[in-house]
Amino acid sequence: MNNYLSAPPVLLNLSHRKGANMYISMQCSDNSGMLNTEICTFYGIRYVPRFRAAMISTEHLNHDYVIPMTPQDYEQAVKQINEAMKAHAHMITIEKGIVCRGRKGEIRNVEPQKLTIVSV
């Protein structure tokens, strides 16, 4: 089992896909609580133990896509993403769970999420 207090964040780098982008569709909550579905280029995901949250990397450089979650739920999400990558999916969808979208460095208190990620 990983030691999340000392291990560096994990980033799934998809640049090896030879020009094929992977996209992510997700329900995002903005700072007013409004929900919107967003589709972005998916660059990767990493866990930040300090905030007990996963960060999704996309082409939107001025925004953070944050998912509060436990380390165990993060590992489950990574397994689901790995399965989609093995299937050569071009899009993944977060069917269960809400992503917090905010300006870089913006922090909000949100209940930890358990994600269900499927390939499309």
N, C-alpha and C. Protein backbone atom coordinates (compact mmCIF):
# COMPACT_ATOMS: atom_id res chain seq x y z
N MET A 1 0.85 -1.19 0.00
CA MET A 1 0.00 0.00 0.00
C MET A 1 0.88 1.24 0.00
N ASN A 2 0.45 2.27 -0.71
CA ASN A 2 1.22 3.51 -0.80
C ASN A 2 1.14 4.28 0.51
N ASN A 3 2.22 4.96 0.82
CA ASN A 3 2.24 5.85 1.97
C ASN A 3 1.97 7.25 1.43
N TYR A 4 0.74 7.76 1.59
CA TYR A 4 0.33 9.02 0.99
C TYR A 4 0.93 10.23 1.67
N LEU A 5 1.51 10.03 2.84
CA LEU A 5 2.10 11.17 3.51
C LEU A 5 3.48 11.48 2.96
N SER A 6 4.17 10.49 2.40
CA SER A 6 5.51 10.74 1.91
C SER A 6 5.65 10.55 0.40
N ALA A 7 4.69 9.89 -0.23
CA ALA A 7 4.79 9.63 -1.66
C ALA A 7 4.44 10.88 -2.46
N PRO A 8 5.16 11.12 -3.57
CA PRO A 8 4.81 12.26 -4.41
C PRO A 8 3.50 12.00 -5.13
N PRO A 9 2.79 13.06 -5.55
CA PRO A 9 1.55 12.87 -6.29
C PRO A 9 1.79 12.08 -7.58
N VAL A 10 0.82 11.29 -7.96
CA VAL A 10 0.90 10.48 -9.17
C VAL A 10 0.20 11.23 -10.29
N LEU A 11 0.83 11.30 -11.45
CA LEU A 11 0.22 11.92 -12.61
C LEU A 11 0.23 10.92 -13.74
N LEU A 12 -0.94 10.61 -14.27
CA LEU A 12 -1.03 9.71 -15.42
C LEU A 12 -0.77 10.54 -16.66
N ASN A 13 0.34 10.30 -17.32
CA ASN A 13 0.70 11.07 -18.49
C ASN A 13 0.21 10.33 -19.72
N LEU A 14 -0.64 10.97 -20.50
CA LEU A 14 -1.23 10.34 -21.67
C LEU A 14 -0.54 10.77 -22.96
N SER A 15 0.61 11.41 -22.87
CA SER A 15 1.27 11.92 -24.07
C SER A 15 1.80 10.81 -24.97
N HIS A 16 1.89 9.60 -24.48
CA HIS A 16 2.39 8.48 -25.27
C HIS A 16 1.37 7.97 -26.28
N ARG A 17 0.18 8.52 -26.31
CA ARG A 17 -0.90 8.00 -27.13
C ARG A 17 -0.78 8.38 -28.61
N LYS A 18 0.37 8.86 -29.05
CA LYS A 18 0.66 9.13 -30.46
C LYS A 18 -0.40 9.99 -31.12
N GLY A 19 -0.61 11.19 -30.60
CA GLY A 19 -1.51 12.13 -31.23
C GLY A 19 -2.98 11.96 -30.88
N ALA A 20 -3.34 10.87 -30.25
CA ALA A 20 -4.74 10.64 -29.89
C ALA A 20 -4.99 11.25 -28.51
N ASN A 21 -5.89 12.21 -28.45
CA ASN A 21 -6.24 12.82 -27.17
C ASN A 21 -7.28 11.98 -26.46
N MET A 22 -7.28 12.08 -25.16
CA MET A 22 -8.36 11.50 -24.36
C MET A 22 -9.12 12.67 -23.76
N TYR A 23 -10.42 12.55 -23.77
CA TYR A 23 -11.28 13.60 -23.24
C TYR A 23 -12.00 13.09 -22.01
N ILE A 24 -12.44 14.04 -21.18
CA ILE A 24 -13.19 13.70 -19.98
C ILE A 24 -14.46 14.54 -19.94
N SER A 25 -15.58 13.88 -19.67
CA SER A 25 -16.86 14.54 -19.49
C SER A 25 -17.20 14.43 -18.01
N MET A 26 -17.55 15.58 -17.40
CA MET A 26 -17.78 15.57 -15.96
C MET A 26 -18.75 16.66 -15.55
N GLN A 27 -19.50 16.38 -14.48
CA GLN A 27 -20.37 17.38 -13.85
C GLN A 27 -19.50 18.24 -12.96
N CYS A 28 -19.49 19.55 -13.21
CA CYS A 28 -18.66 20.46 -12.43
C CYS A 28 -19.53 21.44 -11.67
N SER A 29 -19.12 21.71 -10.45
CA SER A 29 -19.78 22.71 -9.62
C SER A 29 -18.87 23.93 -9.55
N ASP A 30 -19.43 25.09 -9.90
CA ASP A 30 -18.62 26.30 -9.80
C ASP A 30 -18.73 26.89 -8.40
N ASN A 31 -18.14 28.07 -8.18
CA ASN A 31 -18.11 28.64 -6.83
C ASN A 31 -19.47 29.10 -6.34
N SER A 32 -20.48 29.15 -7.22
CA SER A 32 -21.84 29.51 -6.78
C SER A 32 -22.68 28.26 -6.55
N GLY A 33 -22.12 27.07 -6.83
CA GLY A 33 -22.85 25.83 -6.65
C GLY A 33 -23.61 25.37 -7.88
N MET A 34 -23.54 26.15 -8.96
CA MET A 34 -24.22 25.78 -10.20
C MET A 34 -23.50 24.59 -10.85
N LEU A 35 -24.28 23.60 -11.31
CA LEU A 35 -23.72 22.43 -11.97
C LEU A 35 -23.76 22.59 -13.47
N ASN A 36 -22.65 22.27 -14.12
CA ASN A 36 -22.54 22.29 -15.57
C ASN A 36 -21.77 21.05 -16.01
N THR A 37 -22.12 20.50 -17.15
CA THR A 37 -21.33 19.41 -17.72
C THR A 37 -20.23 20.02 -18.57
N GLU A 38 -19.01 19.60 -18.34
CA GLU A 38 -17.87 20.09 -19.12
C GLU A 38 -17.18 18.91 -19.79
N ILE A 39 -16.69 19.14 -20.98
CA ILE A 39 -15.86 18.17 -21.69
C ILE A 39 -14.53 18.85 -21.94
N CYS A 40 -13.46 18.22 -21.47
CA CYS A 40 -12.13 18.79 -21.55
C CYS A 40 -11.15 17.73 -22.06
N THR A 41 -10.00 18.19 -22.51
CA THR A 41 -8.91 17.27 -22.82
C THR A 41 -8.34 16.78 -21.50
N PHE A 42 -8.26 15.47 -21.35
CA PHE A 42 -7.80 14.87 -20.10
C PHE A 42 -6.29 14.64 -20.20
N TYR A 43 -5.53 15.33 -19.34
CA TYR A 43 -4.08 15.17 -19.31
C TYR A 43 -3.63 14.22 -18.20
N GLY A 44 -4.43 14.09 -17.15
CA GLY A 44 -4.04 13.21 -16.07
C GLY A 44 -4.73 13.56 -14.78
N ILE A 45 -4.41 12.79 -13.75
CA ILE A 45 -5.00 12.99 -12.42
C ILE A 45 -3.90 12.73 -11.40
N ARG A 46 -3.96 13.46 -10.31
CA ARG A 46 -2.98 13.26 -9.23
C ARG A 46 -3.68 13.48 -7.90
N TYR A 47 -3.11 12.89 -6.87
CA TYR A 47 -3.67 13.03 -5.52
C TYR A 47 -2.79 13.96 -4.72
N VAL A 48 -3.42 14.89 -4.00
CA VAL A 48 -2.70 15.84 -3.15
C VAL A 48 -3.07 15.53 -1.70
N PRO A 49 -2.21 14.82 -0.98
CA PRO A 49 -2.53 14.42 0.39
C PRO A 49 -2.84 15.60 1.32
N ARG A 50 -2.17 16.71 1.13
CA ARG A 50 -2.38 17.87 2.00
C ARG A 50 -3.84 18.32 1.99
N PHE A 51 -4.50 18.24 0.82
CA PHE A 51 -5.88 18.67 0.70
C PHE A 51 -6.86 17.51 0.64
N ARG A 52 -6.33 16.27 0.70
CA ARG A 52 -7.15 15.06 0.58
C ARG A 52 -8.08 15.18 -0.61
N ALA A 53 -7.46 15.49 -1.75
CA ALA A 53 -8.23 15.72 -2.97
C ALA A 53 -7.42 15.29 -4.19
N ALA A 54 -8.16 14.90 -5.22
CA ALA A 54 -7.55 14.60 -6.52
C ALA A 54 -7.67 15.85 -7.38
N MET A 55 -6.67 16.06 -8.23
CA MET A 55 -6.65 17.18 -9.16
C MET A 55 -6.64 16.61 -10.57
N ILE A 56 -7.58 17.04 -11.39
CA ILE A 56 -7.62 16.62 -12.79
C ILE A 56 -6.91 17.68 -13.61
N SER A 57 -5.96 17.24 -14.45
CA SER A 57 -5.24 18.16 -15.33
C SER A 57 -5.94 18.20 -16.68
N THR A 58 -6.20 19.43 -17.16
CA THR A 58 -6.84 19.64 -18.46
C THR A 58 -6.12 20.78 -19.18
N GLU A 59 -6.66 21.14 -20.35
CA GLU A 59 -6.08 22.27 -21.10
C GLU A 59 -6.45 23.62 -20.51
N HIS A 60 -7.35 23.66 -19.55
CA HIS A 60 -7.78 24.92 -18.93
C HIS A 60 -6.77 25.30 -17.84
N LEU A 61 -5.84 26.14 -18.20
CA LEU A 61 -4.72 26.45 -17.31
C LEU A 61 -5.08 27.39 -16.16
N ASN A 62 -6.20 28.11 -16.28
CA ASN A 62 -6.57 29.05 -15.24
C ASN A 62 -7.54 28.47 -14.21
N HIS A 63 -7.91 27.21 -14.39
CA HIS A 63 -8.86 26.58 -13.48
C HIS A 63 -8.28 25.30 -12.89
N ASP A 64 -8.72 24.98 -11.69
CA ASP A 64 -8.42 23.70 -11.07
C ASP A 64 -9.70 22.88 -11.09
N TYR A 65 -9.55 21.59 -11.34
CA TYR A 65 -10.65 20.64 -11.26
C TYR A 65 -10.33 19.72 -10.10
N VAL A 66 -11.02 19.92 -8.98
CA VAL A 66 -10.68 19.29 -7.71
C VAL A 66 -11.80 18.34 -7.29
N ILE A 67 -11.40 17.16 -6.81
CA ILE A 67 -12.35 16.18 -6.30
C ILE A 67 -11.91 15.76 -4.91
N PRO A 68 -12.56 16.26 -3.85
CA PRO A 68 -12.23 15.80 -2.51
C PRO A 68 -12.52 14.30 -2.40
N MET A 69 -11.54 13.54 -1.90
CA MET A 69 -11.73 12.09 -1.78
C MET A 69 -10.66 11.49 -0.89
N THR A 70 -10.94 10.29 -0.43
CA THR A 70 -9.97 9.57 0.39
C THR A 70 -8.91 8.96 -0.51
N PRO A 71 -7.75 8.61 0.03
CA PRO A 71 -6.72 7.95 -0.78
C PRO A 71 -7.22 6.63 -1.39
N GLN A 72 -8.04 5.91 -0.66
CA GLN A 72 -8.56 4.63 -1.16
C GLN A 72 -9.50 4.86 -2.35
N ASP A 73 -10.37 5.87 -2.26
CA ASP A 73 -11.27 6.17 -3.37
C ASP A 73 -10.49 6.69 -4.58
N TYR A 74 -9.40 7.41 -4.33
CA TYR A 74 -8.53 7.87 -5.42
C TYR A 74 -7.95 6.66 -6.17
N GLU A 75 -7.47 5.69 -5.42
CA GLU A 75 -6.89 4.50 -6.06
C GLU A 75 -7.93 3.77 -6.91
N GLN A 76 -9.18 3.72 -6.44
CA GLN A 76 -10.26 3.10 -7.22
C GLN A 76 -10.49 3.89 -8.51
N ALA A 77 -10.47 5.20 -8.43
CA ALA A 77 -10.65 6.04 -9.62
C ALA A 77 -9.52 5.81 -10.62
N VAL A 78 -8.30 5.70 -10.12
CA VAL A 78 -7.15 5.45 -11.00
C VAL A 78 -7.30 4.10 -11.70
N LYS A 79 -7.77 3.09 -10.99
CA LYS A 79 -8.00 1.78 -11.62
C LYS A 79 -9.02 1.89 -12.75
N GLN A 80 -10.09 2.66 -12.53
CA GLN A 80 -11.10 2.83 -13.56
C GLN A 80 -10.53 3.56 -14.78
N ILE A 81 -9.69 4.55 -14.55
CA ILE A 81 -9.05 5.27 -15.66
C ILE A 81 -8.08 4.35 -16.39
N ASN A 82 -7.33 3.55 -15.65
CA ASN A 82 -6.41 2.59 -16.28
C ASN A 82 -7.15 1.62 -17.17
N GLU A 83 -8.32 1.16 -16.73
CA GLU A 83 -9.13 0.25 -17.55
C GLU A 83 -9.55 0.93 -18.85
N ALA A 84 -9.93 2.19 -18.77
CA ALA A 84 -10.32 2.93 -19.97
C ALA A 84 -9.12 3.09 -20.91
N MET A 85 -7.94 3.33 -20.34
CA MET A 85 -6.75 3.47 -21.16
C MET A 85 -6.39 2.15 -21.85
N LYS A 86 -6.52 1.05 -21.12
CA LYS A 86 -6.25 -0.26 -21.71
C LYS A 86 -7.19 -0.55 -22.87
N ALA A 87 -8.42 -0.04 -22.78
CA ALA A 87 -9.43 -0.24 -23.83
C ALA A 87 -9.26 0.78 -24.97
N HIS A 88 -8.24 1.63 -24.88
CA HIS A 88 -7.96 2.67 -25.89
C HIS A 88 -9.13 3.63 -26.06
N ALA A 89 -9.80 3.94 -24.96
CA ALA A 89 -10.93 4.87 -25.00
C ALA A 89 -10.45 6.27 -25.35
N HIS A 90 -11.26 6.99 -26.11
CA HIS A 90 -10.94 8.38 -26.43
C HIS A 90 -11.66 9.35 -25.51
N MET A 91 -12.62 8.83 -24.73
CA MET A 91 -13.33 9.67 -23.77
C MET A 91 -13.69 8.85 -22.54
N ILE A 92 -13.57 9.50 -21.39
CA ILE A 92 -14.07 8.91 -20.15
C ILE A 92 -15.12 9.86 -19.59
N THR A 93 -16.05 9.29 -18.87
CA THR A 93 -17.13 10.07 -18.26
C THR A 93 -17.17 9.76 -16.78
N ILE A 94 -17.27 10.81 -15.98
CA ILE A 94 -17.51 10.62 -14.55
C ILE A 94 -19.02 10.56 -14.39
N GLU A 95 -19.54 9.34 -14.21
CA GLU A 95 -20.99 9.15 -14.10
C GLU A 95 -21.50 9.38 -12.69
N LYS A 96 -20.67 9.16 -11.71
CA LYS A 96 -21.06 9.38 -10.32
C LYS A 96 -19.97 10.20 -9.66
N GLY A 97 -20.35 11.32 -9.08
CA GLY A 97 -19.39 12.19 -8.43
C GLY A 97 -19.38 13.56 -9.08
N ILE A 98 -19.08 14.57 -8.28
CA ILE A 98 -19.07 15.95 -8.75
C ILE A 98 -17.67 16.51 -8.60
N VAL A 99 -17.25 17.24 -9.61
CA VAL A 99 -15.94 17.88 -9.64
C VAL A 99 -16.12 19.36 -9.33
N CYS A 100 -15.25 19.89 -8.47
CA CYS A 100 -15.29 21.31 -8.14
C CYS A 100 -14.37 22.06 -9.11
N ARG A 101 -14.95 22.99 -9.86
CA ARG A 101 -14.15 23.81 -10.77
C ARG A 101 -14.01 25.19 -10.17
N GLY A 102 -12.78 25.66 -10.10
CA GLY A 102 -12.53 26.99 -9.56
C GLY A 102 -11.26 27.58 -10.11
N ARG A 103 -11.02 28.82 -9.75
CA ARG A 103 -9.77 29.46 -10.16
C ARG A 103 -8.60 28.76 -9.47
N LYS A 104 -7.44 28.84 -10.07
CA LYS A 104 -6.24 28.23 -9.49
C LYS A 104 -6.10 28.62 -8.03
N GLY A 105 -5.92 27.62 -7.18
CA GLY A 105 -5.70 27.86 -5.76
C GLY A 105 -6.95 28.06 -4.93
N GLU A 106 -8.11 28.10 -5.55
CA GLU A 106 -9.37 28.28 -4.82
C GLU A 106 -9.71 26.99 -4.08
N ILE A 107 -10.07 27.10 -2.82
CA ILE A 107 -10.39 25.94 -2.00
C ILE A 107 -11.84 26.05 -1.53
N ARG A 108 -12.55 24.91 -1.57
CA ARG A 108 -13.92 24.86 -1.06
C ARG A 108 -14.09 23.61 -0.23
N ASN A 109 -14.97 23.69 0.77
CA ASN A 109 -15.29 22.51 1.57
C ASN A 109 -16.42 21.75 0.90
N VAL A 110 -16.14 20.51 0.52
CA VAL A 110 -17.10 19.66 -0.16
C VAL A 110 -16.95 18.27 0.42
N GLU A 111 -18.06 17.54 0.51
CA GLU A 111 -18.00 16.16 0.98
C GLU A 111 -17.12 15.32 0.05
N PRO A 112 -16.35 14.38 0.60
CA PRO A 112 -15.54 13.48 -0.25
C PRO A 112 -16.43 12.73 -1.24
N GLN A 113 -15.93 12.56 -2.44
CA GLN A 113 -16.68 11.94 -3.52
C GLN A 113 -16.16 10.52 -3.79
N LYS A 114 -17.05 9.64 -4.18
CA LYS A 114 -16.71 8.32 -4.69
C LYS A 114 -17.09 8.36 -6.16
N LEU A 115 -16.10 8.21 -7.04
CA LEU A 115 -16.35 8.37 -8.47
C LEU A 115 -16.69 7.04 -9.13
N THR A 116 -17.51 7.13 -10.15
CA THR A 116 -17.71 6.03 -11.09
C THR A 116 -17.30 6.59 -12.45
N ILE A 117 -16.23 6.01 -13.01
CA ILE A 117 -15.68 6.48 -14.28
C ILE A 117 -15.84 5.37 -15.31
N VAL A 118 -16.40 5.73 -16.47
CA VAL A 118 -16.58 4.74 -17.53
C VAL A 118 -15.99 5.28 -18.82
N SER A 119 -15.59 4.37 -19.69
CA SER A 119 -15.08 4.77 -20.99
C SER A 119 -16.23 4.85 -21.97
N VAL A 120 -16.11 5.77 -22.90
CA VAL A 120 -17.15 5.98 -23.90
C VAL A 120 -16.57 5.66 -25.27
